PDB file of N, CA and C in Angstrom:
ATOM      1  N   UNK A   1       0.284  28.121  -5.694  1.00  0.00           N
ATOM      2  CA  UNK A   1      -0.960  27.453  -5.345  1.00  0.00           C
ATOM      3  C   UNK A   1      -1.064  26.210  -6.210  1.00  0.00           C
ATOM      4  N   UNK A   2      -1.485  25.140  -5.588  1.00  0.00           N
ATOM      5  CA  UNK A   2      -1.564  23.876  -6.315  1.00  0.00           C
ATOM      6  C   UNK A   2      -2.786  23.062  -5.898  1.00  0.00           C
ATOM      7  N   UNK A   3      -3.987  23.529  -6.261  1.00  0.00           N
ATOM      8  CA  UNK A   3      -5.168  22.757  -5.882  1.00  0.00           C
ATOM      9  C   UNK A   3      -5.499  21.613  -6.837  1.00  0.00           C
ATOM     10  N   UNK A   4      -4.806  21.536  -7.965  1.00  0.00           N
ATOM     11  CA  UNK A   4      -5.142  20.583  -9.010  1.00  0.00           C
ATOM     12  C   UNK A   4      -5.168  19.140  -8.512  1.00  0.00           C
ATOM     13  N   UNK A   5      -6.316  18.513  -8.652  1.00  0.00           N
ATOM     14  CA  UNK A   5      -6.544  17.088  -8.348  1.00  0.00           C
ATOM     15  C   UNK A   5      -6.366  16.727  -6.877  1.00  0.00           C
ATOM     16  N   UNK A   6      -6.384  17.686  -5.991  1.00  0.00           N
ATOM     17  CA  UNK A   6      -6.139  17.407  -4.582  1.00  0.00           C
ATOM     18  C   UNK A   6      -7.310  16.655  -3.944  1.00  0.00           C
ATOM     19  N   UNK A   7      -6.977  15.850  -2.957  1.00  0.00           N
ATOM     20  CA  UNK A   7      -7.994  15.012  -2.313  1.00  0.00           C
ATOM     21  C   UNK A   7      -9.065  15.843  -1.617  1.00  0.00           C
ATOM     22  N   UNK A   8      -8.719  17.020  -1.101  1.00  0.00           N
ATOM     23  CA  UNK A   8      -9.752  17.827  -0.428  1.00  0.00           C
ATOM     24  C   UNK A   8     -10.848  18.233  -1.405  1.00  0.00           C
ATOM     25  N   UNK A   9     -10.501  18.424  -2.667  1.00  0.00           N
ATOM     26  CA  UNK A   9     -11.520  18.756  -3.676  1.00  0.00           C
ATOM     27  C   UNK A   9     -12.412  17.557  -3.953  1.00  0.00           C
ATOM     28  N   UNK A  10     -11.813  16.384  -4.014  1.00  0.00           N
ATOM     29  CA  UNK A  10     -12.600  15.171  -4.243  1.00  0.00           C
ATOM     30  C   UNK A  10     -13.524  14.908  -3.059  1.00  0.00           C
ATOM     31  N   UNK A  11     -13.025  15.126  -1.847  1.00  0.00           N
ATOM     32  CA  UNK A  11     -13.851  14.934  -0.653  1.00  0.00           C
ATOM     33  C   UNK A  11     -14.977  15.962  -0.591  1.00  0.00           C
ATOM     34  N   UNK A  12     -14.665  17.189  -0.915  1.00  0.00           N
ATOM     35  CA  UNK A  12     -15.646  18.267  -0.875  1.00  0.00           C
ATOM     36  C   UNK A  12     -16.800  18.025  -1.839  1.00  0.00           C
ATOM     37  N   UNK A  13     -16.474  17.542  -3.043  1.00  0.00           N
ATOM     38  CA  UNK A  13     -17.489  17.409  -4.087  1.00  0.00           C
ATOM     39  C   UNK A  13     -17.994  15.985  -4.298  1.00  0.00           C
ATOM     40  N   UNK A  14     -17.290  15.015  -3.750  1.00  0.00           N
ATOM     41  CA  UNK A  14     -17.664  13.626  -3.998  1.00  0.00           C
ATOM     42  C   UNK A  14     -17.313  13.166  -5.396  1.00  0.00           C
ATOM     43  N   UNK A  15     -16.400  13.862  -6.022  1.00  0.00           N
ATOM     44  CA  UNK A  15     -15.985  13.558  -7.389  1.00  0.00           C
ATOM     45  C   UNK A  15     -14.764  12.655  -7.373  1.00  0.00           C
ATOM     46  N   UNK A  16     -14.785  11.631  -8.210  1.00  0.00           N
ATOM     47  CA  UNK A  16     -13.630  10.747  -8.325  1.00  0.00           C
ATOM     48  C   UNK A  16     -12.543  11.376  -9.178  1.00  0.00           C
ATOM     49  N   UNK A  17     -11.373  10.796  -9.130  1.00  0.00           N
ATOM     50  CA  UNK A  17     -10.233  11.329  -9.871  1.00  0.00           C
ATOM     51  C   UNK A  17     -10.508  11.489 -11.371  1.00  0.00           C
ATOM     52  N   UNK A  18     -11.198  10.546 -12.023  1.00  0.00           N
ATOM     53  CA  UNK A  18     -11.435  10.720 -13.459  1.00  0.00           C
ATOM     54  C   UNK A  18     -12.240  11.979 -13.816  1.00  0.00           C
ATOM     55  N   UNK A  19     -13.089  12.459 -12.920  1.00  0.00           N
ATOM     56  CA  UNK A  19     -13.924  13.621 -13.226  1.00  0.00           C
ATOM     57  C   UNK A  19     -13.521  14.889 -12.503  1.00  0.00           C
ATOM     58  N   UNK A  20     -12.313  14.926 -11.951  1.00  0.00           N
ATOM     59  CA  UNK A  20     -11.918  16.039 -11.096  1.00  0.00           C
ATOM     60  C   UNK A  20     -11.491  17.290 -11.872  1.00  0.00           C
ATOM     61  N   UNK A  21     -11.334  17.196 -13.177  1.00  0.00           N
ATOM     62  CA  UNK A  21     -10.858  18.333 -13.974  1.00  0.00           C
ATOM     63  C   UNK A  21     -11.626  19.629 -13.762  1.00  0.00           C
ATOM     64  N   UNK A  22     -12.951  19.638 -13.916  1.00  0.00           N
ATOM     65  CA  UNK A  22     -13.703  20.881 -13.714  1.00  0.00           C
ATOM     66  C   UNK A  22     -13.620  21.415 -12.291  1.00  0.00           C
ATOM     67  N   UNK A  23     -13.550  20.506 -11.319  1.00  0.00           N
ATOM     68  CA  UNK A  23     -13.443  20.924  -9.923  1.00  0.00           C
ATOM     69  C   UNK A  23     -12.092  21.604  -9.700  1.00  0.00           C
ATOM     70  N   UNK A  24     -11.031  21.005 -10.208  1.00  0.00           N
ATOM     71  CA  UNK A  24      -9.697  21.597 -10.106  1.00  0.00           C
ATOM     72  C   UNK A  24      -9.662  22.956 -10.801  1.00  0.00           C
ATOM     73  N   UNK A  25     -10.270  23.041 -11.969  1.00  0.00           N
ATOM     74  CA  UNK A  25     -10.288  24.295 -12.714  1.00  0.00           C
ATOM     75  C   UNK A  25     -10.975  25.399 -11.921  1.00  0.00           C
ATOM     76  N   UNK A  26     -12.066  25.080 -11.260  1.00  0.00           N
ATOM     77  CA  UNK A  26     -12.764  26.083 -10.456  1.00  0.00           C
ATOM     78  C   UNK A  26     -11.867  26.594  -9.328  1.00  0.00           C
ATOM     79  N   UNK A  27     -11.170  25.682  -8.652  1.00  0.00           N
ATOM     80  CA  UNK A  27     -10.274  26.078  -7.564  1.00  0.00           C
ATOM     81  C   UNK A  27      -9.100  26.892  -8.085  1.00  0.00           C
ATOM     82  N   UNK A  28      -8.564  26.503  -9.224  1.00  0.00           N
ATOM     83  CA  UNK A  28      -7.445  27.241  -9.822  1.00  0.00           C
ATOM     84  C   UNK A  28      -7.871  28.632 -10.262  1.00  0.00           C
ATOM     85  N   UNK A  29      -9.025  28.734 -10.870  1.00  0.00           N
ATOM     86  CA  UNK A  29      -9.526  30.035 -11.308  1.00  0.00           C
ATOM     87  C   UNK A  29      -9.757  30.944 -10.107  1.00  0.00           C
ATOM     88  N   UNK A  30     -10.331  30.408  -9.061  1.00  0.00           N
ATOM     89  CA  UNK A  30     -10.538  31.188  -7.840  1.00  0.00           C
ATOM     90  C   UNK A  30      -9.200  31.689  -7.297  1.00  0.00           C
ATOM     91  N   UNK A  31      -8.219  30.808  -7.244  1.00  0.00           N
ATOM     92  CA  UNK A  31      -6.901  31.190  -6.734  1.00  0.00           C
ATOM     93  C   UNK A  31      -6.280  32.289  -7.596  1.00  0.00           C
ATOM     94  N   UNK A  32      -6.348  32.129  -8.902  1.00  0.00           N
ATOM     95  CA  UNK A  32      -5.760  33.117  -9.805  1.00  0.00           C
ATOM     96  C   UNK A  32      -6.430  34.476  -9.654  1.00  0.00           C
ATOM     97  N   UNK A  33      -7.739  34.477  -9.500  1.00  0.00           N
ATOM     98  CA  UNK A  33      -8.478  35.735  -9.405  1.00  0.00           C
ATOM     99  C   UNK A  33      -8.361  36.377  -8.030  1.00  0.00           C
ATOM    100  N   UNK A  34      -7.781  35.652  -7.097  1.00  0.00           N
ATOM    101  CA  UNK A  34      -7.618  36.189  -5.748  1.00  0.00           C
ATOM    102  C   UNK A  34      -6.155  36.349  -5.366  1.00  0.00           C
ATOM    103  N   UNK A  35      -5.318  36.525  -6.383  1.00  0.00           N
ATOM    104  CA  UNK A  35      -3.951  36.949  -6.134  1.00  0.00           C
ATOM    105  C   UNK A  35      -2.860  35.908  -6.162  1.00  0.00           C
ATOM    106  N   UNK A  36      -3.160  34.662  -6.476  1.00  0.00           N
ATOM    107  CA  UNK A  36      -2.080  33.672  -6.551  1.00  0.00           C
ATOM    108  C   UNK A  36      -1.097  34.088  -7.646  1.00  0.00           C
ATOM    109  N   UNK A  37       0.155  34.125  -7.310  1.00  0.00           N
ATOM    110  CA  UNK A  37       1.188  34.501  -8.281  1.00  0.00           C
ATOM    111  C   UNK A  37       1.537  33.354  -9.215  1.00  0.00           C
ATOM    112  N   UNK A  38       1.430  32.139  -8.709  1.00  0.00           N
ATOM    113  CA  UNK A  38       1.781  30.954  -9.491  1.00  0.00           C
ATOM    114  C   UNK A  38       0.737  29.874  -9.262  1.00  0.00           C
ATOM    115  N   UNK A  39       0.453  29.126 -10.336  1.00  0.00           N
ATOM    116  CA  UNK A  39      -0.435  27.973 -10.237  1.00  0.00           C
ATOM    117  C   UNK A  39       0.312  26.752 -10.758  1.00  0.00           C
ATOM    118  N   UNK A  40       0.248  25.690 -10.012  1.00  0.00           N
ATOM    119  CA  UNK A  40       0.757  24.408 -10.490  1.00  0.00           C
ATOM    120  C   UNK A  40      -0.476  23.607 -10.880  1.00  0.00           C
ATOM    121  N   UNK A  41      -0.534  23.196 -12.131  1.00  0.00           N
ATOM    122  CA  UNK A  41      -1.740  22.557 -12.636  1.00  0.00           C
ATOM    123  C   UNK A  41      -1.396  21.339 -13.488  1.00  0.00           C
ATOM    124  N   UNK A  42      -2.360  20.462 -13.631  1.00  0.00           N
ATOM    125  CA  UNK A  42      -2.215  19.326 -14.527  1.00  0.00           C
ATOM    126  C   UNK A  42      -2.774  19.652 -15.911  1.00  0.00           C
ATOM    127  N   UNK A  43      -3.513  20.753 -16.031  1.00  0.00           N
ATOM    128  CA  UNK A  43      -4.155  21.097 -17.309  1.00  0.00           C
ATOM    129  C   UNK A  43      -3.928  22.577 -17.619  1.00  0.00           C
ATOM    130  N   UNK A  44      -2.758  22.875 -18.142  1.00  0.00           N
ATOM    131  CA  UNK A  44      -2.372  24.254 -18.458  1.00  0.00           C
ATOM    132  C   UNK A  44      -3.348  24.875 -19.453  1.00  0.00           C
ATOM    133  N   UNK A  45      -3.732  24.126 -20.472  1.00  0.00           N
ATOM    134  CA  UNK A  45      -4.640  24.664 -21.489  1.00  0.00           C
ATOM    135  C   UNK A  45      -5.973  25.105 -20.887  1.00  0.00           C
ATOM    136  N   UNK A  46      -6.500  24.317 -19.957  1.00  0.00           N
ATOM    137  CA  UNK A  46      -7.809  24.632 -19.369  1.00  0.00           C
ATOM    138  C   UNK A  46      -7.761  25.926 -18.567  1.00  0.00           C
ATOM    139  N   UNK A  47      -6.757  26.104 -17.718  1.00  0.00           N
ATOM    140  CA  UNK A  47      -6.710  27.323 -16.915  1.00  0.00           C
ATOM    141  C   UNK A  47      -6.377  28.526 -17.784  1.00  0.00           C
ATOM    142  N   UNK A  48      -5.540  28.343 -18.793  1.00  0.00           N
ATOM    143  CA  UNK A  48      -5.252  29.443 -19.720  1.00  0.00           C
ATOM    144  C   UNK A  48      -6.531  29.890 -20.420  1.00  0.00           C
ATOM    145  N   UNK A  49      -7.302  28.948 -20.923  1.00  0.00           N
ATOM    146  CA  UNK A  49      -8.547  29.283 -21.621  1.00  0.00           C
ATOM    147  C   UNK A  49      -9.553  29.921 -20.665  1.00  0.00           C
ATOM    148  N   UNK A  50      -9.650  29.393 -19.450  1.00  0.00           N
ATOM    149  CA  UNK A  50     -10.589  29.952 -18.471  1.00  0.00           C
ATOM    150  C   UNK A  50     -10.227  31.397 -18.146  1.00  0.00           C
ATOM    151  N   UNK A  51      -8.937  31.674 -17.970  1.00  0.00           N
ATOM    152  CA  UNK A  51      -8.509  33.046 -17.675  1.00  0.00           C
ATOM    153  C   UNK A  51      -8.722  33.967 -18.876  1.00  0.00           C
ATOM    154  N   UNK A  52      -8.523  33.446 -20.075  1.00  0.00           N
ATOM    155  CA  UNK A  52      -8.765  34.234 -21.282  1.00  0.00           C
ATOM    156  C   UNK A  52     -10.234  34.629 -21.383  1.00  0.00           C
ATOM    157  N   UNK A  53     -11.129  33.676 -21.148  1.00  0.00           N
ATOM    158  CA  UNK A  53     -12.567  33.956 -21.200  1.00  0.00           C
ATOM    159  C   UNK A  53     -12.950  34.936 -20.097  1.00  0.00           C
ATOM    160  N   UNK A  54     -12.453  34.719 -18.895  1.00  0.00           N
ATOM    161  CA  UNK A  54     -12.770  35.616 -17.786  1.00  0.00           C
ATOM    162  C   UNK A  54     -12.335  37.044 -18.108  1.00  0.00           C
ATOM    163  N   UNK A  55     -11.114  37.206 -18.590  1.00  0.00           N
ATOM    164  CA  UNK A  55     -10.611  38.543 -18.906  1.00  0.00           C
ATOM    165  C   UNK A  55     -11.441  39.201 -20.009  1.00  0.00           C
ATOM    166  N   UNK A  56     -11.851  38.439 -21.014  1.00  0.00           N
ATOM    167  CA  UNK A  56     -12.678  38.980 -22.095  1.00  0.00           C
ATOM    168  C   UNK A  56     -14.043  39.421 -21.569  1.00  0.00           C
ATOM    169  N   UNK A  57     -14.622  38.635 -20.690  1.00  0.00           N
ATOM    170  CA  UNK A  57     -15.921  39.003 -20.110  1.00  0.00           C
ATOM    171  C   UNK A  57     -15.802  40.240 -19.230  1.00  0.00           C
ATOM    172  N   UNK A  58     -14.730  40.332 -18.463  1.00  0.00           N
ATOM    173  CA  UNK A  58     -14.510  41.516 -17.637  1.00  0.00           C
ATOM    174  C   UNK A  58     -14.311  42.755 -18.498  1.00  0.00           C
ATOM    175  N   UNK A  59     -13.566  42.607 -19.597  1.00  0.00           N
ATOM    176  CA  UNK A  59     -13.348  43.735 -20.503  1.00  0.00           C
ATOM    177  C   UNK A  59     -14.656  44.170 -21.147  1.00  0.00           C
ATOM    178  N   UNK A  60     -15.494  43.218 -21.537  1.00  0.00           N
ATOM    179  CA  UNK A  60     -16.783  43.532 -22.135  1.00  0.00           C
ATOM    180  C   UNK A  60     -17.679  44.253 -21.128  1.00  0.00           C
ATOM    181  N   UNK A  61     -17.639  43.802 -19.889  1.00  0.00           N
ATOM    182  CA  UNK A  61     -18.439  44.425 -18.850  1.00  0.00           C
ATOM    183  C   UNK A  61     -18.004  45.864 -18.610  1.00  0.00           C
ATOM    184  N   UNK A  62     -16.704  46.093 -18.729  1.00  0.00           N
ATOM    185  CA  UNK A  62     -16.155  47.443 -18.505  1.00  0.00           C
ATOM    186  C   UNK A  62     -16.294  48.323 -19.742  1.00  0.00           C
ATOM    187  N   UNK A  63     -16.738  47.733 -20.842  1.00  0.00           N
ATOM    188  CA  UNK A  63     -16.913  48.501 -22.078  1.00  0.00           C
ATOM    189  C   UNK A  63     -15.646  48.723 -22.854  1.00  0.00           C
ATOM    190  N   UNK A  64     -14.647  47.875 -22.627  1.00  0.00           N
ATOM    191  CA  UNK A  64     -13.362  48.002 -23.335  1.00  0.00           C
ATOM    192  C   UNK A  64     -13.421  47.293 -24.651  1.00  0.00           C
TER     193      UNK A  64
END
């Protein structure tokens, strides 16, 4: 899956390329949480951190 910086995201949100990072991150996180085996991204650190936070919140919710 490779939604990072794609034009459909810019069209959907009206966001220009300079501000597309959070929009791309949302699409990447959605893809990862819905079974994407691989993500091609321009910001590896951002998606890694987002997945780390998500997993920690899920673990806290489950009482782990």
